[in-house]
């Protein structure tokens, strides 16, 4: 019985850790939420308004982020609840001239 309880607790810990770690592998050792607050904080205004200029403070850190990490950041709950329009946010790499269409 004791082994069964330990097994259940271990499975619960692994399940909780898996839920909390969702998306972490995409951005290296940092979560997409942390990448948003520390790396892309200067991109908030251009992500809300297409006419807002994209500054070097936004583009430089963005050039260091992988495409997969950028998509994970945009799809994170923090990004959604910060009032940023995802459709406009997807245009930032092109506006920084990081992606040429």
N, C-alpha and C. Protein backbone atom coordinates (compact mmCIF):
# COMPACT_ATOMS: atom_id res chain seq x y z
N UNK A 1 0.82 -1.19 0.00
CA UNK A 1 0.00 0.00 0.00
C UNK A 1 0.87 1.26 0.00
N UNK A 2 1.94 1.23 0.77
CA UNK A 2 2.84 2.38 0.86
C UNK A 2 3.49 2.66 -0.50
N UNK A 3 3.86 1.58 -1.20
CA UNK A 3 4.46 1.74 -2.53
C UNK A 3 3.45 2.34 -3.51
N UNK A 4 2.20 1.95 -3.39
CA UNK A 4 1.15 2.48 -4.27
C UNK A 4 0.96 3.98 -4.05
N UNK A 5 0.95 4.41 -2.81
CA UNK A 5 0.80 5.84 -2.50
C UNK A 5 1.99 6.62 -3.03
N UNK A 6 3.18 6.09 -2.86
CA UNK A 6 4.39 6.76 -3.37
C UNK A 6 4.35 6.86 -4.90
N UNK A 7 3.87 5.82 -5.54
CA UNK A 7 3.77 5.83 -6.99
C UNK A 7 2.76 6.88 -7.46
N UNK A 8 1.63 6.98 -6.79
CA UNK A 8 0.61 7.97 -7.14
C UNK A 8 1.15 9.39 -6.94
N UNK A 9 1.85 9.62 -5.84
CA UNK A 9 2.44 10.93 -5.59
C UNK A 9 3.49 11.28 -6.64
N UNK A 10 4.30 10.32 -7.00
CA UNK A 10 5.32 10.55 -8.02
C UNK A 10 4.68 10.89 -9.37
N UNK A 11 3.63 10.16 -9.74
CA UNK A 11 2.93 10.45 -10.99
C UNK A 11 2.29 11.84 -10.96
N UNK A 12 1.76 12.23 -9.82
CA UNK A 12 1.15 13.55 -9.70
C UNK A 12 2.20 14.65 -9.85
N UNK A 13 3.36 14.45 -9.26
CA UNK A 13 4.44 15.43 -9.36
C UNK A 13 4.92 15.55 -10.80
N UNK A 14 5.07 14.43 -11.47
CA UNK A 14 5.51 14.45 -12.87
C UNK A 14 4.47 15.13 -13.75
N UNK A 15 3.20 14.86 -13.50
CA UNK A 15 2.13 15.48 -14.30
C UNK A 15 2.09 16.98 -14.09
N UNK A 16 2.24 17.43 -12.85
CA UNK A 16 2.23 18.87 -12.55
C UNK A 16 3.45 19.54 -13.17
N UNK A 17 4.60 18.92 -13.07
CA UNK A 17 5.81 19.49 -13.66
C UNK A 17 5.68 19.58 -15.17
N UNK A 18 5.06 18.60 -15.79
CA UNK A 18 4.86 18.63 -17.24
C UNK A 18 3.94 19.75 -17.66
N UNK A 19 2.91 20.01 -16.89
CA UNK A 19 1.98 21.11 -17.21
C UNK A 19 2.68 22.45 -17.04
N UNK A 20 3.47 22.62 -15.99
CA UNK A 20 4.15 23.89 -15.75
C UNK A 20 5.26 24.13 -16.76
N UNK A 21 5.84 23.09 -17.29
CA UNK A 21 6.97 23.25 -18.20
C UNK A 21 6.54 23.38 -19.66
N UNK A 22 5.26 23.51 -19.93
CA UNK A 22 4.76 23.61 -21.30
C UNK A 22 5.40 24.80 -22.02
N UNK A 23 6.09 24.54 -23.11
CA UNK A 23 6.70 25.60 -23.90
C UNK A 23 8.10 25.98 -23.47
N UNK A 24 8.60 25.47 -22.36
CA UNK A 24 9.92 25.87 -21.88
C UNK A 24 11.03 25.45 -22.81
N UNK A 25 10.92 24.29 -23.42
CA UNK A 25 11.97 23.81 -24.29
C UNK A 25 12.16 24.65 -25.53
N UNK A 26 11.12 25.31 -25.96
CA UNK A 26 11.16 26.10 -27.18
C UNK A 26 12.04 27.34 -27.02
N UNK A 27 12.02 27.93 -25.84
CA UNK A 27 12.78 29.16 -25.59
C UNK A 27 14.02 28.91 -24.74
N UNK A 28 14.53 27.71 -24.80
CA UNK A 28 15.71 27.40 -24.00
C UNK A 28 15.31 27.15 -22.56
N UNK A 29 16.09 27.72 -21.64
CA UNK A 29 15.82 27.46 -20.23
C UNK A 29 14.77 28.41 -19.65
N UNK A 30 14.31 29.39 -20.43
CA UNK A 30 13.33 30.34 -19.93
C UNK A 30 11.95 30.05 -20.51
N UNK A 31 10.92 30.38 -19.75
CA UNK A 31 9.56 30.21 -20.22
C UNK A 31 9.22 31.30 -21.22
N UNK A 32 8.23 31.06 -22.08
CA UNK A 32 7.79 32.12 -23.00
C UNK A 32 7.34 33.38 -22.27
N UNK A 33 6.74 33.23 -21.09
CA UNK A 33 6.31 34.40 -20.33
C UNK A 33 7.50 35.24 -19.88
N UNK A 34 8.56 34.58 -19.44
CA UNK A 34 9.75 35.33 -19.02
C UNK A 34 10.42 36.00 -20.23
N UNK A 35 10.43 35.31 -21.34
CA UNK A 35 10.99 35.92 -22.55
C UNK A 35 10.20 37.16 -22.94
N UNK A 36 8.89 37.10 -22.76
CA UNK A 36 8.05 38.24 -23.08
C UNK A 36 8.39 39.43 -22.19
N UNK A 37 8.49 39.20 -20.90
CA UNK A 37 8.70 40.32 -19.99
C UNK A 37 10.12 40.86 -20.02
N UNK A 38 11.10 40.03 -20.31
CA UNK A 38 12.48 40.50 -20.26
C UNK A 38 13.08 40.82 -21.62
N UNK A 39 12.70 40.11 -22.64
CA UNK A 39 13.32 40.31 -23.95
C UNK A 39 12.47 41.18 -24.86
N UNK A 40 11.17 40.96 -24.86
CA UNK A 40 10.32 41.64 -25.83
C UNK A 40 9.44 42.73 -25.21
N UNK A 41 9.81 43.26 -24.08
CA UNK A 41 8.98 44.28 -23.43
C UNK A 41 8.91 45.57 -24.25
N UNK A 42 9.89 45.82 -25.10
CA UNK A 42 9.87 47.03 -25.92
C UNK A 42 9.03 46.86 -27.19
N UNK A 43 8.47 45.68 -27.39
CA UNK A 43 7.66 45.42 -28.58
C UNK A 43 6.17 45.56 -28.31
N UNK A 44 5.79 45.98 -27.13
CA UNK A 44 4.37 46.03 -26.78
C UNK A 44 3.60 47.03 -27.63
N UNK A 45 4.12 48.23 -27.80
CA UNK A 45 3.41 49.24 -28.59
C UNK A 45 3.29 48.84 -30.06
N UNK A 46 4.36 48.37 -30.71
CA UNK A 46 4.21 47.92 -32.10
C UNK A 46 3.31 46.70 -32.25
N UNK A 47 3.11 45.94 -31.17
CA UNK A 47 2.24 44.77 -31.23
C UNK A 47 0.77 45.13 -31.07
N UNK A 48 0.50 46.37 -30.67
CA UNK A 48 -0.87 46.83 -30.53
C UNK A 48 -1.33 47.68 -31.71
N UNK A 49 -0.36 48.30 -32.39
CA UNK A 49 -0.72 49.28 -33.43
C UNK A 49 0.22 49.12 -34.62
N UNK A 50 -0.35 48.91 -35.79
CA UNK A 50 0.47 48.74 -37.00
C UNK A 50 1.22 50.01 -37.38
N UNK A 51 0.73 51.15 -36.96
CA UNK A 51 1.38 52.41 -37.32
C UNK A 51 2.48 52.80 -36.35
N UNK A 52 2.58 52.11 -35.21
CA UNK A 52 3.62 52.42 -34.23
C UNK A 52 4.98 51.98 -34.78
N UNK A 53 6.00 52.81 -34.61
CA UNK A 53 7.32 52.43 -35.12
C UNK A 53 7.91 51.27 -34.32
N UNK A 54 8.62 50.43 -35.02
CA UNK A 54 9.33 49.32 -34.37
C UNK A 54 10.75 49.80 -34.11
N UNK A 55 11.11 49.90 -32.86
CA UNK A 55 12.40 50.47 -32.48
C UNK A 55 13.50 49.42 -32.46
N UNK A 56 14.75 49.86 -32.49
CA UNK A 56 15.85 48.91 -32.33
C UNK A 56 15.81 48.18 -30.99
N UNK A 57 15.23 48.81 -29.97
CA UNK A 57 15.09 48.14 -28.67
C UNK A 57 14.19 46.92 -28.76
N UNK A 58 13.29 46.92 -29.71
CA UNK A 58 12.42 45.76 -29.95
C UNK A 58 13.10 44.77 -30.89
N UNK A 59 13.67 45.26 -31.96
CA UNK A 59 14.20 44.38 -33.01
C UNK A 59 15.46 43.64 -32.60
N UNK A 60 16.34 44.29 -31.85
CA UNK A 60 17.60 43.66 -31.48
C UNK A 60 17.39 42.39 -30.63
N UNK A 61 16.62 42.46 -29.53
CA UNK A 61 16.38 41.22 -28.78
C UNK A 61 15.59 40.19 -29.58
N UNK A 62 14.70 40.67 -30.44
CA UNK A 62 13.90 39.76 -31.25
C UNK A 62 14.76 38.97 -32.23
N UNK A 63 15.83 39.57 -32.69
CA UNK A 63 16.72 38.88 -33.62
C UNK A 63 17.45 37.71 -32.95
N UNK A 64 17.51 37.72 -31.61
CA UNK A 64 18.17 36.66 -30.87
C UNK A 64 17.23 35.51 -30.50
N UNK A 65 15.94 35.68 -30.78
CA UNK A 65 14.92 34.69 -30.41
C UNK A 65 14.59 33.83 -31.62
N UNK A 66 14.49 32.54 -31.41
CA UNK A 66 14.15 31.65 -32.52
C UNK A 66 12.69 31.86 -32.94
N UNK A 67 12.39 31.43 -34.14
CA UNK A 67 11.03 31.57 -34.66
C UNK A 67 10.04 30.79 -33.79
N UNK A 68 10.42 29.60 -33.37
CA UNK A 68 9.55 28.78 -32.52
C UNK A 68 9.29 29.45 -31.19
N UNK A 69 10.33 30.07 -30.62
CA UNK A 69 10.17 30.77 -29.35
C UNK A 69 9.27 31.98 -29.52
N UNK A 70 9.43 32.71 -30.63
CA UNK A 70 8.59 33.89 -30.88
C UNK A 70 7.12 33.48 -30.95
N UNK A 71 6.81 32.38 -31.64
CA UNK A 71 5.43 31.91 -31.73
C UNK A 71 4.91 31.46 -30.36
N UNK A 72 5.77 30.83 -29.56
CA UNK A 72 5.36 30.41 -28.21
C UNK A 72 5.08 31.64 -27.34
N UNK A 73 5.88 32.69 -27.50
CA UNK A 73 5.67 33.93 -26.74
C UNK A 73 4.33 34.55 -27.13
N UNK A 74 4.08 34.64 -28.42
CA UNK A 74 2.83 35.26 -28.88
C UNK A 74 1.61 34.45 -28.44
N UNK A 75 1.74 33.15 -28.38
CA UNK A 75 0.62 32.30 -28.00
C UNK A 75 0.50 32.10 -26.49
N UNK A 76 1.38 32.72 -25.71
CA UNK A 76 1.32 32.56 -24.26
C UNK A 76 0.14 33.34 -23.69
N UNK A 77 -0.33 32.91 -22.54
CA UNK A 77 -1.46 33.57 -21.89
C UNK A 77 -1.12 35.00 -21.48
N UNK A 78 0.09 35.24 -21.06
CA UNK A 78 0.49 36.59 -20.65
C UNK A 78 0.37 37.56 -21.81
N UNK A 79 0.80 37.14 -22.98
CA UNK A 79 0.71 38.00 -24.17
C UNK A 79 -0.75 38.29 -24.49
N UNK A 80 -1.60 37.28 -24.41
CA UNK A 80 -3.02 37.45 -24.74
C UNK A 80 -3.70 38.42 -23.78
N UNK A 81 -3.38 38.32 -22.49
CA UNK A 81 -4.05 39.14 -21.50
C UNK A 81 -3.44 40.54 -21.36
N UNK A 82 -2.37 40.81 -22.06
CA UNK A 82 -1.75 42.13 -21.97
C UNK A 82 -2.34 43.12 -22.97
N UNK A 83 -3.35 42.70 -23.71
CA UNK A 83 -4.02 43.59 -24.64
C UNK A 83 -3.34 43.69 -25.99
N UNK A 84 -2.48 42.74 -26.29
CA UNK A 84 -1.74 42.77 -27.54
C UNK A 84 -2.47 41.94 -28.59
N UNK A 85 -2.60 42.49 -29.77
CA UNK A 85 -3.29 41.80 -30.87
C UNK A 85 -2.30 40.84 -31.54
N UNK A 86 -2.62 39.56 -31.52
CA UNK A 86 -1.72 38.56 -32.08
C UNK A 86 -1.49 38.76 -33.57
N UNK A 87 -2.52 39.17 -34.28
CA UNK A 87 -2.37 39.38 -35.73
C UNK A 87 -1.35 40.48 -36.02
N UNK A 88 -1.37 41.52 -35.22
CA UNK A 88 -0.40 42.60 -35.40
C UNK A 88 0.98 42.16 -34.92
N UNK A 89 1.01 41.38 -33.84
CA UNK A 89 2.29 40.92 -33.29
C UNK A 89 3.05 40.05 -34.29
N UNK A 90 2.32 39.28 -35.08
CA UNK A 90 2.98 38.44 -36.08
C UNK A 90 3.68 39.26 -37.15
N UNK A 91 3.35 40.53 -37.28
CA UNK A 91 3.99 41.38 -38.28
C UNK A 91 5.30 41.99 -37.80
N UNK A 92 5.60 41.88 -36.53
CA UNK A 92 6.80 42.54 -35.98
C UNK A 92 8.09 42.05 -36.64
N UNK A 93 8.32 40.75 -36.80
CA UNK A 93 9.58 40.34 -37.46
C UNK A 93 9.73 40.92 -38.86
N UNK A 94 8.64 40.99 -39.60
CA UNK A 94 8.72 41.57 -40.94
C UNK A 94 8.99 43.07 -40.85
N UNK A 95 8.38 43.74 -39.89
CA UNK A 95 8.60 45.17 -39.72
C UNK A 95 10.02 45.47 -39.24
N UNK A 96 10.64 44.51 -38.57
CA UNK A 96 12.04 44.65 -38.16
C UNK A 96 13.00 44.25 -39.28
N UNK A 97 12.44 43.79 -40.39
CA UNK A 97 13.22 43.31 -41.53
C UNK A 97 14.03 42.06 -41.18
N UNK A 98 13.49 41.25 -40.25
CA UNK A 98 14.12 39.99 -39.90
C UNK A 98 13.64 38.88 -40.83
N UNK A 99 12.42 39.05 -41.35
CA UNK A 99 11.85 38.08 -42.29
C UNK A 99 11.48 38.85 -43.53
N UNK A 100 11.90 38.36 -44.66
CA UNK A 100 11.61 39.03 -45.93
C UNK A 100 10.59 38.19 -46.69
N UNK A 101 9.47 38.80 -47.02
CA UNK A 101 8.41 38.10 -47.76
C UNK A 101 8.48 38.49 -49.22
